[in-house]
Amino acid sequence: MNLDQLRSKVSETDTCYQCDHPFRPGDTRYVVSMTIVADFDGVLTEPDEDIEGGIDRLLEQLSHADPDQVERDVFEQINVMLCTACKERLASEIREKRYRLSLPVGGHSHYYH
């Protein structure tokens, strides 16, 4: 998606995603686009069962899965509009490696590095 497509997609937003500051025509605003992609470290573990059985089991699981969730497990694009203050705070926290996920994962807080 190019910048113009992204801008038109989120330009309908009339408030800052983070603080709900209302945007007026001509106000400075920032499009923040986050792409989340599943990583693969190159390691494939040997299955406990035969390969065909593992493939059959995986296909069975996928046949009952929500296709949108399966896609989000591999790739997700999130776009939001921020005001100047919230953009500055987010960028500063990321640059200084202080950005913290707001939801604990597995009971622990995880930081981006």
C-alpha atoms as a PDB file:
ATOM      1  CA  MET A   1       0.000   0.000   0.000  1.00  0.00           C
ATOM      2  CA  ASN A   2       1.500   3.360  -0.983  1.00  0.00           C
ATOM      3  CA  LEU A   3       1.421   6.470   1.218  1.00  0.00           C
ATOM      4  CA  ASP A   4      -1.513   8.075  -0.641  1.00  0.00           C
ATOM      5  CA  GLN A   5      -3.646   4.933  -0.233  1.00  0.00           C
ATOM      6  CA  LEU A   6      -2.689   4.713   3.433  1.00  0.00           C
ATOM      7  CA  ARG A   7      -3.409   8.394   4.013  1.00  0.00           C
ATOM      8  CA  SER A   8      -6.851   8.155   2.387  1.00  0.00           C
ATOM      9  CA  LYS A   9      -7.658   5.070   4.448  1.00  0.00           C
ATOM     10  CA  VAL A  10      -6.965   6.743   7.791  1.00  0.00           C
ATOM     11  CA  SER A  11      -7.719  10.356   6.827  1.00  0.00           C
ATOM     12  CA  GLU A  12     -11.371   9.742   7.595  1.00  0.00           C
ATOM     13  CA  THR A  13     -10.252   9.648  11.245  1.00  0.00           C
ATOM     14  CA  ASP A  14     -11.199  12.908  12.915  1.00  0.00           C
ATOM     15  CA  THR A  15      -9.441  12.287  16.240  1.00  0.00           C
ATOM     16  CA  CYS A  16      -6.039  11.093  17.442  1.00  0.00           C
ATOM     17  CA  TYR A  17      -6.032   7.340  18.011  1.00  0.00           C
ATOM     18  CA  GLN A  18      -4.172   7.697  21.313  1.00  0.00           C
ATOM     19  CA  CYS A  19      -5.613  10.778  23.061  1.00  0.00           C
ATOM     20  CA  ASP A  20      -8.795  11.532  21.061  1.00  0.00           C
ATOM     21  CA  HIS A  21      -7.542  15.066  20.274  1.00  0.00           C
ATOM     22  CA  PRO A  22      -9.935  16.333  17.575  1.00  0.00           C
ATOM     23  CA  PHE A  23      -8.349  17.197  14.225  1.00  0.00           C
ATOM     24  CA  ARG A  24      -9.440  20.374  12.468  1.00  0.00           C
ATOM     25  CA  PRO A  25      -8.832  21.001   8.773  1.00  0.00           C
ATOM     26  CA  GLY A  26      -5.177  21.924   8.289  1.00  0.00           C
ATOM     27  CA  ASP A  27      -3.991  20.388  11.575  1.00  0.00           C
ATOM     28  CA  THR A  28      -0.763  18.411  11.504  1.00  0.00           C
ATOM     29  CA  ARG A  29      -1.407  14.708  11.891  1.00  0.00           C
ATOM     30  CA  TYR A  30       0.710  11.594  11.429  1.00  0.00           C
ATOM     31  CA  VAL A  31      -0.094   8.236   9.886  1.00  0.00           C
ATOM     32  CA  VAL A  32       1.508   5.431  11.876  1.00  0.00           C
ATOM     33  CA  SER A  33       1.628   2.145  10.015  1.00  0.00           C
ATOM     34  CA  MET A  34       2.657  -1.047  11.778  1.00  0.00           C
ATOM     35  CA  THR A  35       3.330  -4.254   9.881  1.00  0.00           C
ATOM     36  CA  ILE A  36       3.411  -7.391  12.005  1.00  0.00           C
ATOM     37  CA  VAL A  37       4.857 -10.461  10.271  1.00  0.00           C
ATOM     38  CA  ALA A  38       5.463 -13.911  11.733  1.00  0.00           C
ATOM     39  CA  ASP A  39       9.161 -14.724  11.925  1.00  0.00           C
ATOM     40  CA  PHE A  40      10.806 -18.025  11.039  1.00  0.00           C
ATOM     41  CA  ASP A  41      14.176 -18.869  12.548  1.00  0.00           C
ATOM     42  CA  GLY A  42      14.893 -21.591   9.998  1.00  0.00           C
ATOM     43  CA  VAL A  43      14.518 -24.442  12.483  1.00  0.00           C
ATOM     44  CA  LEU A  44      12.030 -27.220  11.790  1.00  0.00           C
ATOM     45  CA  THR A  45      11.538 -29.706  14.602  1.00  0.00           C
ATOM     46  CA  GLU A  46      10.976 -33.372  13.899  1.00  0.00           C
ATOM     47  CA  PRO A  47       7.338 -34.317  14.464  1.00  0.00           C
ATOM     48  CA  ASP A  48       6.498 -36.984  17.047  1.00  0.00           C
ATOM     49  CA  GLU A  49       4.297 -38.651  14.465  1.00  0.00           C
ATOM     50  CA  ASP A  50       4.792 -39.490  10.819  1.00  0.00           C
ATOM     51  CA  ILE A  51       4.898 -36.509   8.475  1.00  0.00           C
ATOM     52  CA  GLU A  52       1.676 -37.400   6.660  1.00  0.00           C
ATOM     53  CA  GLY A  53      -0.146 -37.706   9.989  1.00  0.00           C
ATOM     54  CA  GLY A  54       1.178 -34.322  11.069  1.00  0.00           C
ATOM     55  CA  ILE A  55       0.057 -32.718   7.830  1.00  0.00           C
ATOM     56  CA  ASP A  56      -3.381 -34.326   8.149  1.00  0.00           C
ATOM     57  CA  ARG A  57      -3.683 -33.057  11.739  1.00  0.00           C
ATOM     58  CA  LEU A  58      -2.632 -29.543  10.708  1.00  0.00           C
ATOM     59  CA  LEU A  59      -5.107 -29.482   7.811  1.00  0.00           C
ATOM     60  CA  GLU A  60      -7.864 -30.657  10.165  1.00  0.00           C
ATOM     61  CA  GLN A  61      -7.038 -27.868  12.633  1.00  0.00           C
ATOM     62  CA  LEU A  62      -7.021 -25.284   9.844  1.00  0.00           C
ATOM     63  CA  SER A  63     -10.377 -26.477   8.521  1.00  0.00           C
ATOM     64  CA  HIS A  64     -11.954 -25.415  11.839  1.00  0.00           C
ATOM     65  CA  ALA A  65      -9.961 -22.207  12.285  1.00  0.00           C
ATOM     66  CA  ASP A  66     -11.183 -18.677  11.656  1.00  0.00           C
ATOM     67  CA  PRO A  67      -9.503 -17.649   8.370  1.00  0.00           C
ATOM     68  CA  ASP A  68      -9.108 -14.040   9.521  1.00  0.00           C
ATOM     69  CA  GLN A  69      -7.330 -15.179  12.694  1.00  0.00           C
ATOM     70  CA  VAL A  70      -5.077 -17.514  10.718  1.00  0.00           C
ATOM     71  CA  GLU A  71      -4.103 -14.577   8.496  1.00  0.00           C
ATOM     72  CA  ARG A  72      -3.451 -12.338  11.540  1.00  0.00           C
ATOM     73  CA  ASP A  73      -1.240 -15.071  13.000  1.00  0.00           C
ATOM     74  CA  VAL A  74       1.030 -14.630   9.965  1.00  0.00           C
ATOM     75  CA  PHE A  75       0.562 -11.018   8.836  1.00  0.00           C
ATOM     76  CA  GLU A  76      -1.261  -7.962  10.101  1.00  0.00           C
ATOM     77  CA  GLN A  77      -1.208  -4.322   9.036  1.00  0.00           C
ATOM     78  CA  ILE A  78      -2.379  -1.716  11.566  1.00  0.00           C
ATOM     79  CA  ASN A  79      -2.741   1.960  10.635  1.00  0.00           C
ATOM     80  CA  VAL A  80      -3.601   4.794  13.010  1.00  0.00           C
ATOM     81  CA  MET A  81      -3.605   8.595  12.977  1.00  0.00           C
ATOM     82  CA  LEU A  82      -1.755  10.469  15.737  1.00  0.00           C
ATOM     83  CA  CYS A  83      -1.528  14.112  16.787  1.00  0.00           C
ATOM     84  CA  THR A  84       1.893  15.741  17.069  1.00  0.00           C
ATOM     85  CA  ALA A  85       2.244  15.181  20.834  1.00  0.00           C
ATOM     86  CA  CYS A  86       1.352  11.486  20.657  1.00  0.00           C
ATOM     87  CA  LYS A  87       3.605  10.940  17.620  1.00  0.00           C
ATOM     88  CA  GLU A  88       6.517  12.580  19.444  1.00  0.00           C
ATOM     89  CA  ARG A  89       5.936  10.471  22.555  1.00  0.00           C
ATOM     90  CA  LEU A  90       5.670   7.207  20.579  1.00  0.00           C
ATOM     91  CA  ALA A  91       8.750   7.958  18.463  1.00  0.00           C
ATOM     92  CA  SER A  92      10.772   8.932  21.539  1.00  0.00           C
ATOM     93  CA  GLU A  93       9.788   5.786  23.425  1.00  0.00           C
ATOM     94  CA  ILE A  94      10.690   3.585  20.465  1.00  0.00           C
ATOM     95  CA  ARG A  95      14.029   5.366  19.881  1.00  0.00           C
ATOM     96  CA  GLU A  96      14.920   5.059  23.564  1.00  0.00           C
ATOM     97  CA  LYS A  97      13.678   1.454  23.709  1.00  0.00           C
ATOM     98  CA  ARG A  98      11.133   2.340  26.368  1.00  0.00           C
ATOM     99  CA  TYR A  99       8.057   1.370  24.348  1.00  0.00           C
ATOM    100  CA  ARG A 100       6.192  -1.259  26.284  1.00  0.00           C
ATOM    101  CA  LEU A 101       3.374  -3.462  25.144  1.00  0.00           C
ATOM    102  CA  SER A 102       0.287  -2.519  27.101  1.00  0.00           C
ATOM    103  CA  LEU A 103      -0.878  -6.108  27.529  1.00  0.00           C
ATOM    104  CA  PRO A 104       1.252  -8.633  29.427  1.00  0.00           C
ATOM    105  CA  VAL A 105       2.133 -11.728  27.433  1.00  0.00           C
ATOM    106  CA  GLY A 106       2.254 -14.916  29.446  1.00  0.00           C
ATOM    107  CA  GLY A 107       2.129 -12.932  32.688  1.00  0.00           C
ATOM    108  CA  HIS A 108       5.318 -11.014  31.851  1.00  0.00           C
ATOM    109  CA  SER A 109       5.905  -7.595  30.378  1.00  0.00           C
ATOM    110  CA  HIS A 110       7.759  -7.721  27.071  1.00  0.00           C
ATOM    111  CA  TYR A 111       9.701  -4.865  25.522  1.00  0.00           C
ATOM    112  CA  TYR A 112      10.480  -4.293  21.875  1.00  0.00           C
ATOM    113  CA  HIS A 113      14.218  -4.478  21.212  1.00  0.00           C
END
